[in-house]
């Protein structure tokens, strides 16, 4: 892991967050890719892939529930971490940030149907 000006550089295979763990921050992929994994009855399956510009873990900002999935870096990736305070500051400085995140969340929910 290499800390940079923006975000942190993660190596291939690094787990960013684990299903079932408590979360208090969200992540923005600045470059690279990651896979979303779900564990069910001992079997792990890939349920999605994230790329630059994608946000994940945002539900932890709104509610203190265990993570619903794990996210693992595929290749290498630079990822920015935002806790609740940083998120609220970003929304205050740029309200379109919140609007964009709501759009992505809406698309994600529609994709579940």
PDB file of N, CA and C in Angstrom:
ATOM      1  N   UNK A   1       0.844  -1.170   0.000  1.00  0.00           N
ATOM      2  CA  UNK A   1       0.000   0.000   0.000  1.00  0.00           C
ATOM      3  C   UNK A   1       0.895   1.240   0.000  1.00  0.00           C
ATOM      4  N   UNK A   2       0.703   2.117  -0.953  1.00  0.00           N
ATOM      5  CA  UNK A   2       1.494   3.348  -1.046  1.00  0.00           C
ATOM      6  C   UNK A   2       0.553   4.526  -0.929  1.00  0.00           C
ATOM      7  N   UNK A   3       0.774   5.375   0.064  1.00  0.00           N
ATOM      8  CA  UNK A   3      -0.088   6.529   0.267  1.00  0.00           C
ATOM      9  C   UNK A   3       0.362   7.641  -0.675  1.00  0.00           C
ATOM     10  N   UNK A   4      -0.592   8.205  -1.417  1.00  0.00           N
ATOM     11  CA  UNK A   4      -0.277   9.235  -2.390  1.00  0.00           C
ATOM     12  C   UNK A   4      -0.959  10.538  -2.056  1.00  0.00           C
ATOM     13  N   UNK A   5      -0.820  11.487  -2.960  1.00  0.00           N
ATOM     14  CA  UNK A   5      -1.451  12.787  -2.776  1.00  0.00           C
ATOM     15  C   UNK A   5      -2.960  12.600  -2.651  1.00  0.00           C
ATOM     16  N   UNK A   6      -3.521  11.827  -3.552  1.00  0.00           N
ATOM     17  CA  UNK A   6      -4.942  11.500  -3.483  1.00  0.00           C
ATOM     18  C   UNK A   6      -5.067   9.994  -3.391  1.00  0.00           C
ATOM     19  N   UNK A   7      -5.721   9.532  -2.387  1.00  0.00           N
ATOM     20  CA  UNK A   7      -5.961   8.110  -2.274  1.00  0.00           C
ATOM     21  C   UNK A   7      -4.718   7.311  -1.918  1.00  0.00           C
ATOM     22  N   UNK A   8      -4.900   6.001  -1.941  1.00  0.00           N
ATOM     23  CA  UNK A   8      -3.847   5.051  -1.613  1.00  0.00           C
ATOM     24  C   UNK A   8      -3.759   4.034  -2.737  1.00  0.00           C
ATOM     25  N   UNK A   9      -2.552   3.652  -3.088  1.00  0.00           N
ATOM     26  CA  UNK A   9      -2.323   2.652  -4.127  1.00  0.00           C
ATOM     27  C   UNK A   9      -2.351   1.270  -3.471  1.00  0.00           C
ATOM     28  N   UNK A  10      -3.183   0.373  -4.000  1.00  0.00           N
ATOM     29  CA  UNK A  10      -3.315  -0.980  -3.477  1.00  0.00           C
ATOM     30  C   UNK A  10      -2.861  -1.985  -4.526  1.00  0.00           C
ATOM     31  N   UNK A  11      -2.204  -3.048  -4.076  1.00  0.00           N
ATOM     32  CA  UNK A  11      -1.706  -4.096  -4.958  1.00  0.00           C
ATOM     33  C   UNK A  11      -2.804  -5.109  -5.273  1.00  0.00           C
ATOM     34  N   UNK A  12      -2.602  -5.866  -6.324  1.00  0.00           N
ATOM     35  CA  UNK A  12      -3.515  -6.921  -6.753  1.00  0.00           C
ATOM     36  C   UNK A  12      -3.848  -7.854  -5.592  1.00  0.00           C
ATOM     37  N   UNK A  13      -5.124  -8.140  -5.437  1.00  0.00           N
ATOM     38  CA  UNK A  13      -5.572  -9.087  -4.424  1.00  0.00           C
ATOM     39  C   UNK A  13      -5.835  -8.501  -3.047  1.00  0.00           C
ATOM     40  N   UNK A  14      -5.512  -7.237  -2.833  1.00  0.00           N
ATOM     41  CA  UNK A  14      -5.747  -6.615  -1.526  1.00  0.00           C
ATOM     42  C   UNK A  14      -7.240  -6.480  -1.284  1.00  0.00           C
ATOM     43  N   UNK A  15      -7.691  -6.913  -0.109  1.00  0.00           N
ATOM     44  CA  UNK A  15      -9.101  -6.773   0.263  1.00  0.00           C
ATOM     45  C   UNK A  15      -9.276  -5.417   0.928  1.00  0.00           C
ATOM     46  N   UNK A  16     -10.149  -4.589   0.358  1.00  0.00           N
ATOM     47  CA  UNK A  16     -10.403  -3.242   0.866  1.00  0.00           C
ATOM     48  C   UNK A  16     -11.394  -3.269   2.024  1.00  0.00           C
ATOM     49  N   UNK A  17     -12.444  -4.048   1.876  1.00  0.00           N
ATOM     50  CA  UNK A  17     -13.412  -4.227   2.952  1.00  0.00           C
ATOM     51  C   UNK A  17     -13.973  -5.640   2.857  1.00  0.00           C
ATOM     52  N   UNK A  18     -14.407  -6.159   4.013  1.00  0.00           N
ATOM     53  CA  UNK A  18     -14.889  -7.548   4.080  1.00  0.00           C
ATOM     54  C   UNK A  18     -16.363  -7.610   4.459  1.00  0.00           C
ATOM     55  N   UNK A  19     -17.065  -8.494   3.798  1.00  0.00           N
ATOM     56  CA  UNK A  19     -18.470  -8.741   4.099  1.00  0.00           C
ATOM     57  C   UNK A  19     -18.595  -9.087   5.576  1.00  0.00           C
ATOM     58  N   UNK A  20     -19.586  -8.490   6.238  1.00  0.00           N
ATOM     59  CA  UNK A  20     -19.851  -8.774   7.642  1.00  0.00           C
ATOM     60  C   UNK A  20     -19.148  -7.853   8.616  1.00  0.00           C
ATOM     61  N   UNK A  21     -18.099  -7.167   8.179  1.00  0.00           N
ATOM     62  CA  UNK A  21     -17.395  -6.246   9.066  1.00  0.00           C
ATOM     63  C   UNK A  21     -18.189  -4.949   9.231  1.00  0.00           C
ATOM     64  N   UNK A  22     -17.970  -4.297  10.369  1.00  0.00           N
ATOM     65  CA  UNK A  22     -18.572  -2.983  10.578  1.00  0.00           C
ATOM     66  C   UNK A  22     -17.858  -1.988   9.672  1.00  0.00           C
ATOM     67  N   UNK A  23     -18.595  -1.034   9.140  1.00  0.00           N
ATOM     68  CA  UNK A  23     -17.995  -0.033   8.268  1.00  0.00           C
ATOM     69  C   UNK A  23     -18.319   1.365   8.738  1.00  0.00           C
ATOM     70  N   UNK A  24     -17.386   2.286   8.527  1.00  0.00           N
ATOM     71  CA  UNK A  24     -17.637   3.679   8.874  1.00  0.00           C
ATOM     72  C   UNK A  24     -17.083   4.622   7.817  1.00  0.00           C
ATOM     73  N   UNK A  25     -16.786   4.072   6.631  1.00  0.00           N
ATOM     74  CA  UNK A  25     -16.233   4.888   5.551  1.00  0.00           C
ATOM     75  C   UNK A  25     -16.643   4.328   4.206  1.00  0.00           C
ATOM     76  N   UNK A  26     -16.505   5.175   3.195  1.00  0.00           N
ATOM     77  CA  UNK A  26     -16.803   4.779   1.830  1.00  0.00           C
ATOM     78  C   UNK A  26     -15.537   4.955   0.999  1.00  0.00           C
ATOM     79  N   UNK A  27     -15.561   4.474  -0.233  1.00  0.00           N
ATOM     80  CA  UNK A  27     -14.376   4.468  -1.079  1.00  0.00           C
ATOM     81  C   UNK A  27     -14.728   4.935  -2.488  1.00  0.00           C
ATOM     82  N   UNK A  28     -13.766   5.599  -3.130  1.00  0.00           N
ATOM     83  CA  UNK A  28     -13.897   6.033  -4.511  1.00  0.00           C
ATOM     84  C   UNK A  28     -12.699   5.480  -5.269  1.00  0.00           C
ATOM     85  N   UNK A  29     -12.965   4.739  -6.338  1.00  0.00           N
ATOM     86  CA  UNK A  29     -11.869   4.205  -7.144  1.00  0.00           C
ATOM     87  C   UNK A  29     -11.387   5.316  -8.071  1.00  0.00           C
ATOM     88  N   UNK A  30     -10.149   5.722  -7.896  1.00  0.00           N
ATOM     89  CA  UNK A  30      -9.577   6.784  -8.722  1.00  0.00           C
ATOM     90  C   UNK A  30      -8.947   6.208  -9.986  1.00  0.00           C
ATOM     91  N   UNK A  31      -8.342   5.042  -9.874  1.00  0.00           N
ATOM     92  CA  UNK A  31      -7.798   4.352 -11.048  1.00  0.00           C
ATOM     93  C   UNK A  31      -7.735   2.867 -10.732  1.00  0.00           C
ATOM     94  N   UNK A  32      -7.799   2.066 -11.782  1.00  0.00           N
ATOM     95  CA  UNK A  32      -7.743   0.620 -11.600  1.00  0.00           C
ATOM     96  C   UNK A  32      -9.126   0.007 -11.468  1.00  0.00           C
ATOM     97  N   UNK A  33      -9.126  -1.245 -10.990  1.00  0.00           N
ATOM     98  CA  UNK A  33     -10.384  -1.994 -10.880  1.00  0.00           C
ATOM     99  C   UNK A  33     -10.415  -2.808  -9.592  1.00  0.00           C
ATOM    100  N   UNK A  34     -11.612  -3.223  -9.226  1.00  0.00           N
ATOM    101  CA  UNK A  34     -11.818  -4.084  -8.069  1.00  0.00           C
ATOM    102  C   UNK A  34     -13.031  -4.960  -8.344  1.00  0.00           C
ATOM    103  N   UNK A  35     -13.100  -6.083  -7.653  1.00  0.00           N
ATOM    104  CA  UNK A  35     -14.263  -6.969  -7.794  1.00  0.00           C
ATOM    105  C   UNK A  35     -15.047  -6.986  -6.487  1.00  0.00           C
ATOM    106  N   UNK A  36     -16.365  -7.120  -6.621  1.00  0.00           N
ATOM    107  CA  UNK A  36     -17.270  -7.208  -5.489  1.00  0.00           C
ATOM    108  C   UNK A  36     -17.593  -8.679  -5.299  1.00  0.00           C
ATOM    109  N   UNK A  37     -17.404  -9.164  -4.070  1.00  0.00           N
ATOM    110  CA  UNK A  37     -17.583 -10.585  -3.769  1.00  0.00           C
ATOM    111  C   UNK A  37     -18.605 -10.768  -2.660  1.00  0.00           C
ATOM    112  N   UNK A  38     -19.451 -11.787  -2.814  1.00  0.00           N
ATOM    113  CA  UNK A  38     -20.426 -12.144  -1.777  1.00  0.00           C
ATOM    114  C   UNK A  38     -20.158 -13.564  -1.316  1.00  0.00           C
ATOM    115  N   UNK A  39     -20.233 -13.748  -0.028  1.00  0.00           N
ATOM    116  CA  UNK A  39     -20.078 -15.069   0.579  1.00  0.00           C
ATOM    117  C   UNK A  39     -21.466 -15.562   0.966  1.00  0.00           C
ATOM    118  N   UNK A  40     -21.822 -16.779   0.526  1.00  0.00           N
ATOM    119  CA  UNK A  40     -23.120 -17.352   0.862  1.00  0.00           C
ATOM    120  C   UNK A  40     -22.942 -18.842   1.095  1.00  0.00           C
ATOM    121  N   UNK A  41     -23.207 -19.259   2.325  1.00  0.00           N
ATOM    122  CA  UNK A  41     -23.074 -20.676   2.702  1.00  0.00           C
ATOM    123  C   UNK A  41     -21.681 -21.226   2.393  1.00  0.00           C
ATOM    124  N   UNK A  42     -20.680 -20.423   2.664  1.00  0.00           N
ATOM    125  CA  UNK A  42     -19.301 -20.856   2.483  1.00  0.00           C
ATOM    126  C   UNK A  42     -18.749 -20.719   1.080  1.00  0.00           C
ATOM    127  N   UNK A  43     -19.590 -20.372   0.122  1.00  0.00           N
ATOM    128  CA  UNK A  43     -19.136 -20.210  -1.266  1.00  0.00           C
ATOM    129  C   UNK A  43     -19.029 -18.724  -1.603  1.00  0.00           C
ATOM    130  N   UNK A  44     -17.900 -18.353  -2.193  1.00  0.00           N
ATOM    131  CA  UNK A  44     -17.694 -16.969  -2.592  1.00  0.00           C
ATOM    132  C   UNK A  44     -17.987 -16.818  -4.077  1.00  0.00           C
ATOM    133  N   UNK A  45     -18.727 -15.765  -4.434  1.00  0.00           N
ATOM    134  CA  UNK A  45     -19.008 -15.518  -5.842  1.00  0.00           C
ATOM    135  C   UNK A  45     -18.800 -14.044  -6.159  1.00  0.00           C
ATOM    136  N   UNK A  46     -18.362 -13.781  -7.383  1.00  0.00           N
ATOM    137  CA  UNK A  46     -18.155 -12.418  -7.852  1.00  0.00           C
ATOM    138  C   UNK A  46     -19.501 -11.889  -8.333  1.00  0.00           C
ATOM    139  N   UNK A  47     -19.917 -10.752  -7.782  1.00  0.00           N
ATOM    140  CA  UNK A  47     -21.218 -10.190  -8.141  1.00  0.00           C
ATOM    141  C   UNK A  47     -21.119  -8.870  -8.887  1.00  0.00           C
ATOM    142  N   UNK A  48     -19.907  -8.371  -9.065  1.00  0.00           N
ATOM    143  CA  UNK A  48     -19.746  -7.119  -9.791  1.00  0.00           C
ATOM    144  C   UNK A  48     -18.294  -6.731  -9.931  1.00  0.00           C
ATOM    145  N   UNK A  49     -18.074  -5.768 -10.810  1.00  0.00           N
ATOM    146  CA  UNK A  49     -16.733  -5.218 -10.997  1.00  0.00           C
ATOM    147  C   UNK A  49     -16.831  -3.703 -10.953  1.00  0.00           C
ATOM    148  N   UNK A  50     -15.870  -3.091 -10.297  1.00  0.00           N
ATOM    149  CA  UNK A  50     -15.828  -1.644 -10.142  1.00  0.00           C
ATOM    150  C   UNK A  50     -14.644  -1.089 -10.916  1.00  0.00           C
ATOM    151  N   UNK A  51     -14.807   0.134 -11.440  1.00  0.00           N
ATOM    152  CA  UNK A  51     -13.732   0.778 -12.211  1.00  0.00           C
ATOM    153  C   UNK A  51     -13.575   2.215 -11.745  1.00  0.00           C
ATOM    154  N   UNK A  52     -12.624   2.918 -12.344  1.00  0.00           N
ATOM    155  CA  UNK A  52     -12.364   4.309 -11.968  1.00  0.00           C
ATOM    156  C   UNK A  52     -13.658   5.121 -11.999  1.00  0.00           C
ATOM    157  N   UNK A  53     -13.884   5.890 -10.946  1.00  0.00           N
ATOM    158  CA  UNK A  53     -15.083   6.713 -10.826  1.00  0.00           C
ATOM    159  C   UNK A  53     -16.178   6.057 -10.005  1.00  0.00           C
ATOM    160  N   UNK A  54     -16.096   4.737  -9.832  1.00  0.00           N
ATOM    161  CA  UNK A  54     -17.118   4.044  -9.046  1.00  0.00           C
ATOM    162  C   UNK A  54     -16.899   4.263  -7.553  1.00  0.00           C
ATOM    163  N   UNK A  55     -18.003   4.238  -6.820  1.00  0.00           N
ATOM    164  CA  UNK A  55     -18.024   4.432  -5.379  1.00  0.00           C
ATOM    165  C   UNK A  55     -18.551   3.146  -4.760  1.00  0.00           C
ATOM    166  N   UNK A  56     -17.990   2.747  -3.624  1.00  0.00           N
ATOM    167  CA  UNK A  56     -18.532   1.590  -2.908  1.00  0.00           C
ATOM    168  C   UNK A  56     -18.406   1.814  -1.406  1.00  0.00           C
ATOM    169  N   UNK A  57     -19.195   1.059  -0.654  1.00  0.00           N
ATOM    170  CA  UNK A  57     -19.180   1.173   0.796  1.00  0.00           C
ATOM    171  C   UNK A  57     -19.934   2.371   1.330  1.00  0.00           C
ATOM    172  N   UNK A  58     -20.663   3.069   0.439  1.00  0.00           N
ATOM    173  CA  UNK A  58     -21.330   4.303   0.852  1.00  0.00           C
ATOM    174  C   UNK A  58     -22.439   4.081   1.863  1.00  0.00           C
ATOM    175  N   UNK A  59     -23.010   2.889   1.909  1.00  0.00           N
ATOM    176  CA  UNK A  59     -24.083   2.636   2.877  1.00  0.00           C
ATOM    177  C   UNK A  59     -23.564   2.789   4.303  1.00  0.00           C
ATOM    178  N   UNK A  60     -22.270   2.561   4.534  1.00  0.00           N
ATOM    179  CA  UNK A  60     -21.687   2.704   5.870  1.00  0.00           C
ATOM    180  C   UNK A  60     -21.733   4.150   6.357  1.00  0.00           C
ATOM    181  N   UNK A  61     -21.778   5.108   5.426  1.00  0.00           N
ATOM    182  CA  UNK A  61     -21.865   6.519   5.799  1.00  0.00           C
ATOM    183  C   UNK A  61     -23.253   6.826   6.370  1.00  0.00           C
ATOM    184  N   UNK A  62     -24.273   6.140   5.854  1.00  0.00           N
ATOM    185  CA  UNK A  62     -25.655   6.433   6.232  1.00  0.00           C
ATOM    186  C   UNK A  62     -26.186   5.571   7.359  1.00  0.00           C
ATOM    187  N   UNK A  63     -25.709   4.355   7.452  1.00  0.00           N
ATOM    188  CA  UNK A  63     -26.195   3.453   8.497  1.00  0.00           C
ATOM    189  C   UNK A  63     -25.064   2.542   8.948  1.00  0.00           C
ATOM    190  N   UNK A  64     -25.024   2.284  10.208  1.00  0.00           N
ATOM    191  CA  UNK A  64     -23.958   1.463  10.781  1.00  0.00           C
ATOM    192  C   UNK A  64     -24.355  -0.013  10.738  1.00  0.00           C
ATOM    193  N   UNK A  65     -24.361  -0.575   9.558  1.00  0.00           N
ATOM    194  CA  UNK A  65     -24.682  -1.984   9.360  1.00  0.00           C
ATOM    195  C   UNK A  65     -23.432  -2.710   8.867  1.00  0.00           C
ATOM    196  N   UNK A  66     -23.351  -4.005   9.081  1.00  0.00           N
ATOM    197  CA  UNK A  66     -22.196  -4.754   8.562  1.00  0.00           C
ATOM    198  C   UNK A  66     -22.123  -4.646   7.038  1.00  0.00           C
ATOM    199  N   UNK A  67     -20.923  -4.712   6.511  1.00  0.00           N
ATOM    200  CA  UNK A  67     -20.709  -4.663   5.063  1.00  0.00           C
ATOM    201  C   UNK A  67     -21.480  -5.797   4.392  1.00  0.00           C
ATOM    202  N   UNK A  68     -22.133  -5.497   3.280  1.00  0.00           N
ATOM    203  CA  UNK A  68     -22.946  -6.490   2.578  1.00  0.00           C
ATOM    204  C   UNK A  68     -22.131  -7.311   1.581  1.00  0.00           C
ATOM    205  N   UNK A  69     -20.885  -6.903   1.334  1.00  0.00           N
ATOM    206  CA  UNK A  69     -20.028  -7.619   0.394  1.00  0.00           C
ATOM    207  C   UNK A  69     -18.572  -7.279   0.696  1.00  0.00           C
ATOM    208  N   UNK A  70     -17.678  -8.052   0.121  1.00  0.00           N
ATOM    209  CA  UNK A  70     -16.247  -7.768   0.184  1.00  0.00           C
ATOM    210  C   UNK A  70     -15.832  -7.139  -1.137  1.00  0.00           C
ATOM    211  N   UNK A  71     -14.771  -6.348  -1.111  1.00  0.00           N
ATOM    212  CA  UNK A  71     -14.231  -5.754  -2.334  1.00  0.00           C
ATOM    213  C   UNK A  71     -12.734  -6.025  -2.353  1.00  0.00           C
ATOM    214  N   UNK A  72     -12.268  -6.611  -3.474  1.00  0.00           N
ATOM    215  CA  UNK A  72     -10.854  -6.977  -3.627  1.00  0.00           C
ATOM    216  C   UNK A  72     -10.293  -6.328  -4.890  1.00  0.00           C
ATOM    217  N   UNK A  73      -9.106  -5.768  -4.774  1.00  0.00           N
ATOM    218  CA  UNK A  73      -8.444  -5.106  -5.902  1.00  0.00           C
ATOM    219  C   UNK A  73      -8.095  -6.133  -6.969  1.00  0.00           C
ATOM    220  N   UNK A  74      -8.312  -5.745  -8.223  1.00  0.00           N
ATOM    221  CA  UNK A  74      -7.988  -6.591  -9.377  1.00  0.00           C
ATOM    222  C   UNK A  74      -6.935  -5.848 -10.184  1.00  0.00           C
ATOM    223  N   UNK A  75      -5.708  -6.361 -10.194  1.00  0.00           N
ATOM    224  CA  UNK A  75      -4.587  -5.632 -10.788  1.00  0.00           C
ATOM    225  C   UNK A  75      -4.013  -4.741  -9.709  1.00  0.00           C
ATOM    226  N   UNK A  76      -3.992  -3.452  -9.950  1.00  0.00           N
ATOM    227  CA  UNK A  76      -3.653  -2.484  -8.903  1.00  0.00           C
ATOM    228  C   UNK A  76      -4.658  -1.350  -9.022  1.00  0.00           C
ATOM    229  N   UNK A  77      -4.840  -0.631  -7.937  1.00  0.00           N
ATOM    230  CA  UNK A  77      -5.833   0.445  -7.950  1.00  0.00           C
ATOM    231  C   UNK A  77      -5.447   1.532  -6.968  1.00  0.00           C
ATOM    232  N   UNK A  78      -5.825   2.757  -7.296  1.00  0.00           N
ATOM    233  CA  UNK A  78      -5.691   3.889  -6.375  1.00  0.00           C
ATOM    234  C   UNK A  78      -7.100   4.197  -5.881  1.00  0.00           C
ATOM    235  N   UNK A  79      -7.252   4.166  -4.551  1.00  0.00           N
ATOM    236  CA  UNK A  79      -8.582   4.305  -3.959  1.00  0.00           C
ATOM    237  C   UNK A  79      -8.560   5.374  -2.875  1.00  0.00           C
ATOM    238  N   UNK A  80      -9.527   6.284  -2.960  1.00  0.00           N
ATOM    239  CA  UNK A  80      -9.686   7.343  -1.976  1.00  0.00           C
ATOM    240  C   UNK A  80     -10.684   6.880  -0.921  1.00  0.00           C
ATOM    241  N   UNK A  81     -10.365   7.098   0.342  1.00  0.00           N
ATOM    242  CA  UNK A  81     -11.230   6.721   1.455  1.00  0.00           C
ATOM    243  C   UNK A  81     -11.851   7.977   2.054  1.00  0.00           C
ATOM    244  N   UNK A  82     -13.170   7.933   2.276  1.00  0.00           N
ATOM    245  CA  UNK A  82     -13.873   9.065   2.893  1.00  0.00           C
ATOM    246  C   UNK A  82     -14.652   8.580   4.105  1.00  0.00           C
ATOM    247  N   UNK A  83     -14.377   9.161   5.275  1.00  0.00           N
ATOM    248  CA  UNK A  83     -15.219   8.869   6.431  1.00  0.00           C
ATOM    249  C   UNK A  83     -16.411   9.823   6.390  1.00  0.00           C
ATOM    250  N   UNK A  84     -17.290   9.729   7.372  1.00  0.00           N
ATOM    251  CA  UNK A  84     -18.519  10.524   7.351  1.00  0.00           C
ATOM    252  C   UNK A  84     -18.219  12.016   7.336  1.00  0.00           C
ATOM    253  N   UNK A  85     -17.259  12.459   8.123  1.00  0.00           N
ATOM    254  CA  UNK A  85     -16.917  13.871   8.181  1.00  0.00           C
ATOM    255  C   UNK A  85     -16.419  14.362   6.815  1.00  0.00           C
ATOM    256  N   UNK A  86     -15.517  13.610   6.188  1.00  0.00           N
ATOM    257  CA  UNK A  86     -14.985  13.997   4.874  1.00  0.00           C
ATOM    258  C   UNK A  86     -16.090  13.987   3.822  1.00  0.00           C
ATOM    259  N   UNK A  87     -16.993  13.001   3.912  1.00  0.00           N
ATOM    260  CA  UNK A  87     -18.115  12.935   2.978  1.00  0.00           C
ATOM    261  C   UNK A  87     -18.990  14.178   3.098  1.00  0.00           C
ATOM    262  N   UNK A  88     -19.366  14.534   4.330  1.00  0.00           N
ATOM    263  CA  UNK A  88     -20.227  15.700   4.539  1.00  0.00           C
ATOM    264  C   UNK A  88     -19.538  16.988   4.087  1.00  0.00           C
ATOM    265  N   UNK A  89     -18.240  17.092   4.311  1.00  0.00           N
ATOM    266  CA  UNK A  89     -17.492  18.261   3.848  1.00  0.00           C
ATOM    267  C   UNK A  89     -17.522  18.336   2.318  1.00  0.00           C
ATOM    268  N   UNK A  90     -17.343  17.180   1.656  1.00  0.00           N
ATOM    269  CA  UNK A  90     -17.356  17.131   0.193  1.00  0.00           C
ATOM    270  C   UNK A  90     -18.731  17.541  -0.346  1.00  0.00           C
ATOM    271  N   UNK A  91     -19.786  17.053   0.283  1.00  0.00           N
ATOM    272  CA  UNK A  91     -21.152  17.402  -0.141  1.00  0.00           C
ATOM    273  C   UNK A  91     -21.395  18.893   0.052  1.00  0.00           C
ATOM    274  N   UNK A  92     -20.923  19.436   1.163  1.00  0.00           N
ATOM    275  CA  UNK A  92     -21.097  20.872   1.422  1.00  0.00           C
ATOM    276  C   UNK A  92     -20.364  21.703   0.369  1.00  0.00           C
ATOM    277  N   UNK A  93     -19.153  21.294   0.018  1.00  0.00           N
ATOM    278  CA  UNK A  93     -18.352  22.036  -0.966  1.00  0.00           C
ATOM    279  C   UNK A  93     -18.855  21.843  -2.393  1.00  0.00           C
ATOM    280  N   UNK A  94     -19.412  20.673  -2.674  1.00  0.00           N
ATOM    281  CA  UNK A  94     -19.850  20.355  -4.038  1.00  0.00           C
ATOM    282  C   UNK A  94     -21.114  19.503  -3.984  1.00  0.00           C
ATOM    283  N   UNK A  95     -22.295  20.134  -3.881  1.00  0.00           N
ATOM    284  CA  UNK A  95     -23.547  19.379  -3.780  1.00  0.00           C
ATOM    285  C   UNK A  95     -23.759  18.393  -4.941  1.00  0.00           C
ATOM    286  N   UNK A  96     -23.157  18.649  -6.089  1.00  0.00           N
ATOM    287  CA  UNK A  96     -23.319  17.716  -7.212  1.00  0.00           C
ATOM    288  C   UNK A  96     -22.681  16.367  -6.905  1.00  0.00           C
ATOM    289  N   UNK A  97     -21.743  16.323  -5.960  1.00  0.00           N
ATOM    290  CA  UNK A  97     -21.146  15.054  -5.535  1.00  0.00           C
ATOM    291  C   UNK A  97     -22.229  14.135  -4.967  1.00  0.00           C
ATOM    292  N   UNK A  98     -23.086  14.688  -4.103  1.00  0.00           N
ATOM    293  CA  UNK A  98     -24.178  13.897  -3.515  1.00  0.00           C
ATOM    294  C   UNK A  98     -25.170  13.464  -4.582  1.00  0.00           C
ATOM    295  N   UNK A  99     -25.492  14.374  -5.497  1.00  0.00           N
ATOM    296  CA  UNK A  99     -26.431  14.041  -6.573  1.00  0.00           C
ATOM    297  C   UNK A  99     -25.877  12.892  -7.423  1.00  0.00           C
ATOM    298  N   UNK A 100     -24.611  12.965  -7.779  1.00  0.00           N
ATOM    299  CA  UNK A 100     -23.982  11.900  -8.570  1.00  0.00           C
ATOM    300  C   UNK A 100     -23.999  10.568  -7.838  1.00  0.00           C
ATOM    301  N   UNK A 101     -23.758  10.600  -6.538  1.00  0.00           N
ATOM    302  CA  UNK A 101     -23.773   9.357  -5.767  1.00  0.00           C
ATOM    303  C   UNK A 101     -25.188   8.785  -5.711  1.00  0.00           C
ATOM    304  N   UNK A 102     -26.186   9.633  -5.546  1.00  0.00           N
ATOM    305  CA  UNK A 102     -27.570   9.150  -5.542  1.00  0.00           C
ATOM    306  C   UNK A 102     -27.945   8.537  -6.891  1.00  0.00           C
ATOM    307  N   UNK A 103     -27.459   9.128  -7.974  1.00  0.00           N
ATOM    308  CA  UNK A 103     -27.713   8.542  -9.298  1.00  0.00           C
ATOM    309  C   UNK A 103     -27.111   7.142  -9.392  1.00  0.00           C
ATOM    310  N   UNK A 104     -25.860   6.998  -8.946  1.00  0.00           N
ATOM    311  CA  UNK A 104     -25.200   5.680  -9.002  1.00  0.00           C
ATOM    312  C   UNK A 104     -25.922   4.665  -8.127  1.00  0.00           C
ATOM    313  N   UNK A 105     -26.350   5.094  -6.937  1.00  0.00           N
ATOM    314  CA  UNK A 105     -27.069   4.186  -6.044  1.00  0.00           C
ATOM    315  C   UNK A 105     -28.396   3.766  -6.673  1.00  0.00           C
ATOM    316  N   UNK A 106     -29.084   4.706  -7.317  1.00  0.00           N
ATOM    317  CA  UNK A 106     -30.349   4.400  -7.974  1.00  0.00           C
ATOM    318  C   UNK A 106     -30.148   3.368  -9.084  1.00  0.00           C
ATOM    319  N   UNK A 107     -29.105   3.561  -9.906  1.00  0.00           N
ATOM    320  CA  UNK A 107     -28.820   2.585 -10.969  1.00  0.00           C
ATOM    321  C   UNK A 107     -28.503   1.220 -10.392  1.00  0.00           C
ATOM    322  N   UNK A 108     -27.754   1.208  -9.294  1.00  0.00           N
ATOM    323  CA  UNK A 108     -27.403  -0.061  -8.654  1.00  0.00           C
ATOM    324  C   UNK A 108     -28.655  -0.779  -8.157  1.00  0.00           C
ATOM    325  N   UNK A 109     -29.560  -0.034  -7.544  1.00  0.00           N
ATOM    326  CA  UNK A 109     -30.808  -0.646  -7.043  1.00  0.00           C
ATOM    327  C   UNK A 109     -31.644  -1.153  -8.204  1.00  0.00           C
ATOM    328  N   UNK A 110     -31.760  -0.383  -9.282  1.00  0.00           N
ATOM    329  CA  UNK A 110     -32.519  -0.839 -10.456  1.00  0.00           C
ATOM    330  C   UNK A 110     -31.905  -2.105 -11.050  1.00  0.00           C
ATOM    331  N   UNK A 111     -30.592  -2.192 -10.990  1.00  0.00           N
ATOM    332  CA  UNK A 111     -29.901  -3.368 -11.519  1.00  0.00           C
ATOM    333  C   UNK A 111     -30.174  -4.644 -10.735  1.00  0.00           C
ATOM    334  N   UNK A 112     -30.701  -4.498  -9.528  1.00  0.00           N
ATOM    335  CA  UNK A 112     -31.027  -5.672  -8.708  1.00  0.00           C
ATOM    336  C   UNK A 112     -32.294  -6.358  -9.173  1.00  0.00           C
ATOM    337  N   UNK A 113     -33.136  -5.626  -9.905  1.00  0.00           N
ATOM    338  CA  UNK A 113     -34.419  -6.204 -10.380  1.00  0.00           C
ATOM    339  C   UNK A 113     -34.197  -7.169 -11.526  1.00  0.00           C
TER     340      UNK A 113
END
